[in-house]
Structures are given as structure tokens and as C-alpha cells.
Amino acid sequence: MGQMAAIEAFRMGFGEVERMRDEYNYRRRFIVERVEEIGLEMSVPGGAFYVFPSVKTTGIGGEEFANRVIAEEKVAVVPGDAFGACGKDFIRCSYATAFKQIVEAFKRIERFVQRL
């Protein structure tokens, strides 16, 4: 049964894969623009579905940023130092969620950064 599903996915699934790829690309471009509008710096990611913006300009490190933005704005991000010491001034955000939630999350992140 599983093999038949895999065969069907290979035969008919490429259109869906392209649609998903385009949607993730759209989300990535949106987040890159929002990060820049908020005043944070970031390299444009080439793959996956994560962004890794620097929060250094806010005056607080990634761990404090992550802890405060979840407490104050109910937005979950991962402190960059979870990926090594060189990530201490960064946060990681996923865009593998609904676009509507991404829009709202970045409104809240912007509001948080403006208060700092």
C-alpha cells in the first residue's frame, strides 16, 4: 500500500511540490522584507524554511530577545545561541506555518522592537 502511494506521488505530485515551493519562497521574501522594515539585519536564506536575523541593533542578545518576545508578544522564536556561540546575537524564525500567522507574528515582533 505504501509503495503504491509513493508511486502515485512520484507520478502526480510534482505540481503540488512546485506550488509548495512557490509558497515557501513567497513567505521567505515577505519575511526578508519585514525584517528589513523592522530594522534588523539578515542574510537571505538559500534553503530550508528558516530565517536567522541578527537582533544586535536592539541592544539585547538573542536569548533575551526570544524570552521577552514570547512573554510580551506571544511569539516564539529560537535564540541563535542554541546553534552555537556565534549565534548569540541572532534568533531563528520558521516560515513553515500559515502565512496569516507569519504576518501577525511580524506585526508583534515589530511592536516589540519599537518598545526597546
C-alpha atoms as a PDB file:
ATOM      1  CA  MET A   1       0.000   0.000   0.000  1.00  0.00           C
ATOM      2  CA  GLY A   2       2.764   2.448   0.929  1.00  0.00           C
ATOM      3  CA  GLN A   3       4.656   1.636  -2.242  1.00  0.00           C
ATOM      4  CA  MET A   4       1.585   2.353  -4.358  1.00  0.00           C
ATOM      5  CA  ALA A   5       1.155   5.727  -2.637  1.00  0.00           C
ATOM      6  CA  ALA A   6       4.820   6.555  -3.283  1.00  0.00           C
ATOM      7  CA  ILE A   7       4.458   5.671  -6.964  1.00  0.00           C
ATOM      8  CA  GLU A   8       1.368   7.860  -7.259  1.00  0.00           C
ATOM      9  CA  ALA A   9       3.149  10.727  -5.505  1.00  0.00           C
ATOM     10  CA  PHE A  10       6.022  10.496  -7.981  1.00  0.00           C
ATOM     11  CA  ARG A  11       3.642  10.331 -10.943  1.00  0.00           C
ATOM     12  CA  MET A  12       1.208  13.075  -9.945  1.00  0.00           C
ATOM     13  CA  GLY A  13       2.781  15.077  -7.114  1.00  0.00           C
ATOM     14  CA  PHE A  14       5.188  17.389  -8.919  1.00  0.00           C
ATOM     15  CA  GLY A  15       2.597  20.132  -9.441  1.00  0.00           C
ATOM     16  CA  GLU A  16       1.897  20.178  -5.719  1.00  0.00           C
ATOM     17  CA  VAL A  17       5.606  20.250  -4.940  1.00  0.00           C
ATOM     18  CA  GLU A  18       6.038  23.274  -7.213  1.00  0.00           C
ATOM     19  CA  ARG A  19       3.085  25.019  -5.573  1.00  0.00           C
ATOM     20  CA  MET A  20       4.545  24.392  -2.114  1.00  0.00           C
ATOM     21  CA  ARG A  21       7.991  25.586  -3.230  1.00  0.00           C
ATOM     22  CA  ASP A  22       6.476  28.791  -4.622  1.00  0.00           C
ATOM     23  CA  GLU A  23       4.515  29.364  -1.411  1.00  0.00           C
ATOM     24  CA  TYR A  24       7.607  28.942   0.761  1.00  0.00           C
ATOM     25  CA  ASN A  25       9.524  31.303  -1.499  1.00  0.00           C
ATOM     26  CA  TYR A  26       6.725  33.872  -1.131  1.00  0.00           C
ATOM     27  CA  ARG A  27       6.828  33.554   2.679  1.00  0.00           C
ATOM     28  CA  ARG A  28      10.627  33.854   2.697  1.00  0.00           C
ATOM     29  CA  ARG A  29      10.550  37.026   0.592  1.00  0.00           C
ATOM     30  CA  PHE A  30       7.847  38.510   2.825  1.00  0.00           C
ATOM     31  CA  ILE A  31       9.862  37.830   5.986  1.00  0.00           C
ATOM     32  CA  VAL A  32      13.071  39.211   4.486  1.00  0.00           C
ATOM     33  CA  GLU A  33      11.226  42.453   3.667  1.00  0.00           C
ATOM     34  CA  ARG A  34       9.618  42.634   7.113  1.00  0.00           C
ATOM     35  CA  VAL A  35      12.933  42.015   8.892  1.00  0.00           C
ATOM     36  CA  GLU A  36      14.479  44.892   6.936  1.00  0.00           C
ATOM     37  CA  GLU A  37      11.474  47.168   7.655  1.00  0.00           C
ATOM     38  CA  ILE A  38      11.778  46.402  11.353  1.00  0.00           C
ATOM     39  CA  GLY A  39      15.434  47.423  11.226  1.00  0.00           C
ATOM     40  CA  LEU A  40      17.087  44.074  11.791  1.00  0.00           C
ATOM     41  CA  GLU A  41      19.812  42.637   9.571  1.00  0.00           C
ATOM     42  CA  MET A  42      19.793  39.255   7.942  1.00  0.00           C
ATOM     43  CA  SER A  43      21.327  37.282   5.114  1.00  0.00           C
ATOM     44  CA  VAL A  44      18.735  35.924   2.714  1.00  0.00           C
ATOM     45  CA  PRO A  45      18.409  32.184   3.290  1.00  0.00           C
ATOM     46  CA  GLY A  46      19.011  29.952   0.325  1.00  0.00           C
ATOM     47  CA  GLY A  47      17.103  26.929   1.533  1.00  0.00           C
ATOM     48  CA  ALA A  48      15.079  25.320   4.293  1.00  0.00           C
ATOM     49  CA  PHE A  49      12.261  27.350   5.839  1.00  0.00           C
ATOM     50  CA  TYR A  50      14.046  29.338   8.498  1.00  0.00           C
ATOM     51  CA  VAL A  51      15.453  32.848   8.720  1.00  0.00           C
ATOM     52  CA  PHE A  52      18.238  33.852  11.094  1.00  0.00           C
ATOM     53  CA  PRO A  53      18.043  37.616  11.711  1.00  0.00           C
ATOM     54  CA  SER A  54      20.507  39.486  13.903  1.00  0.00           C
ATOM     55  CA  VAL A  55      18.956  41.301  16.853  1.00  0.00           C
ATOM     56  CA  LYS A  56      22.194  43.074  17.753  1.00  0.00           C
ATOM     57  CA  THR A  57      20.769  46.506  16.839  1.00  0.00           C
ATOM     58  CA  THR A  58      18.117  46.092  19.559  1.00  0.00           C
ATOM     59  CA  GLY A  59      20.731  46.176  22.309  1.00  0.00           C
ATOM     60  CA  ILE A  60      19.792  42.752  23.650  1.00  0.00           C
ATOM     61  CA  GLY A  61      21.063  39.305  22.712  1.00  0.00           C
ATOM     62  CA  GLY A  62      19.138  36.532  21.041  1.00  0.00           C
ATOM     63  CA  GLU A  63      18.300  34.660  24.228  1.00  0.00           C
ATOM     64  CA  GLU A  64      16.844  37.721  25.966  1.00  0.00           C
ATOM     65  CA  PHE A  65      15.028  38.701  22.774  1.00  0.00           C
ATOM     66  CA  ALA A  66      13.470  35.234  22.465  1.00  0.00           C
ATOM     67  CA  ASN A  67      12.442  35.135  26.128  1.00  0.00           C
ATOM     68  CA  ARG A  68      10.940  38.602  26.100  1.00  0.00           C
ATOM     69  CA  VAL A  69       9.154  38.414  22.734  1.00  0.00           C
ATOM     70  CA  ILE A  70       7.341  35.255  23.815  1.00  0.00           C
ATOM     71  CA  ALA A  71       6.442  36.705  27.214  1.00  0.00           C
ATOM     72  CA  GLU A  72       5.420  40.129  25.918  1.00  0.00           C
ATOM     73  CA  GLU A  73       4.035  39.391  22.443  1.00  0.00           C
ATOM     74  CA  LYS A  74       3.342  35.630  22.452  1.00  0.00           C
ATOM     75  CA  VAL A  75       5.674  34.991  19.505  1.00  0.00           C
ATOM     76  CA  ALA A  76       8.011  32.008  19.714  1.00  0.00           C
ATOM     77  CA  VAL A  77      11.472  32.277  18.170  1.00  0.00           C
ATOM     78  CA  VAL A  78      14.593  30.269  18.929  1.00  0.00           C
ATOM     79  CA  PRO A  79      17.639  32.029  20.396  1.00  0.00           C
ATOM     80  CA  GLY A  80      20.529  31.796  17.974  1.00  0.00           C
ATOM     81  CA  ASP A  81      22.977  30.525  20.565  1.00  0.00           C
ATOM     82  CA  ALA A  82      21.054  27.233  20.509  1.00  0.00           C
ATOM     83  CA  PHE A  83      23.046  26.683  17.303  1.00  0.00           C
ATOM     84  CA  GLY A  84      26.421  27.663  18.739  1.00  0.00           C
ATOM     85  CA  ALA A  85      28.115  30.572  20.473  1.00  0.00           C
ATOM     86  CA  CYS A  86      28.383  32.550  17.230  1.00  0.00           C
ATOM     87  CA  GLY A  87      24.564  32.804  17.193  1.00  0.00           C
ATOM     88  CA  LYS A  88      24.276  34.765  20.432  1.00  0.00           C
ATOM     89  CA  ASP A  89      23.012  37.929  18.708  1.00  0.00           C
ATOM     90  CA  PHE A  90      20.563  36.095  16.444  1.00  0.00           C
ATOM     91  CA  ILE A  91      17.159  34.473  16.526  1.00  0.00           C
ATOM     92  CA  ARG A  92      15.761  31.762  14.288  1.00  0.00           C
ATOM     93  CA  CYS A  93      12.244  32.049  12.893  1.00  0.00           C
ATOM     94  CA  SER A  94      10.409  29.401  10.916  1.00  0.00           C
ATOM     95  CA  TYR A  95       8.151  30.153   7.998  1.00  0.00           C
ATOM     96  CA  ALA A  96       6.684  26.648   7.868  1.00  0.00           C
ATOM     97  CA  THR A  97       3.342  27.890   9.148  1.00  0.00           C
ATOM     98  CA  ALA A  98       0.309  29.658   7.741  1.00  0.00           C
ATOM     99  CA  PHE A  99       1.038  32.973   6.027  1.00  0.00           C
ATOM    100  CA  LYS A 100      -1.593  34.698   8.168  1.00  0.00           C
ATOM    101  CA  GLN A 101       0.292  33.635  11.316  1.00  0.00           C
ATOM    102  CA  ILE A 102       3.576  34.909   9.851  1.00  0.00           C
ATOM    103  CA  VAL A 103       2.023  38.316   9.139  1.00  0.00           C
ATOM    104  CA  GLU A 104       0.703  38.557  12.689  1.00  0.00           C
ATOM    105  CA  ALA A 105       3.957  37.350  14.241  1.00  0.00           C
ATOM    106  CA  PHE A 106       5.981  40.012  12.452  1.00  0.00           C
ATOM    107  CA  LYS A 107       3.498  42.726  13.468  1.00  0.00           C
ATOM    108  CA  ARG A 108       4.113  41.662  17.054  1.00  0.00           C
ATOM    109  CA  ILE A 109       7.877  41.443  16.610  1.00  0.00           C
ATOM    110  CA  GLU A 110       7.881  44.941  15.128  1.00  0.00           C
ATOM    111  CA  ARG A 111       5.834  46.257  18.063  1.00  0.00           C
ATOM    112  CA  PHE A 112       8.280  44.598  20.473  1.00  0.00           C
ATOM    113  CA  VAL A 113      11.359  46.041  18.733  1.00  0.00           C
ATOM    114  CA  GLN A 114       9.814  49.516  18.710  1.00  0.00           C
ATOM    115  CA  ARG A 115       9.436  49.372  22.505  1.00  0.00           C
ATOM    116  CA  LEU A 116      13.108  48.525  23.066  1.00  0.00           C
END
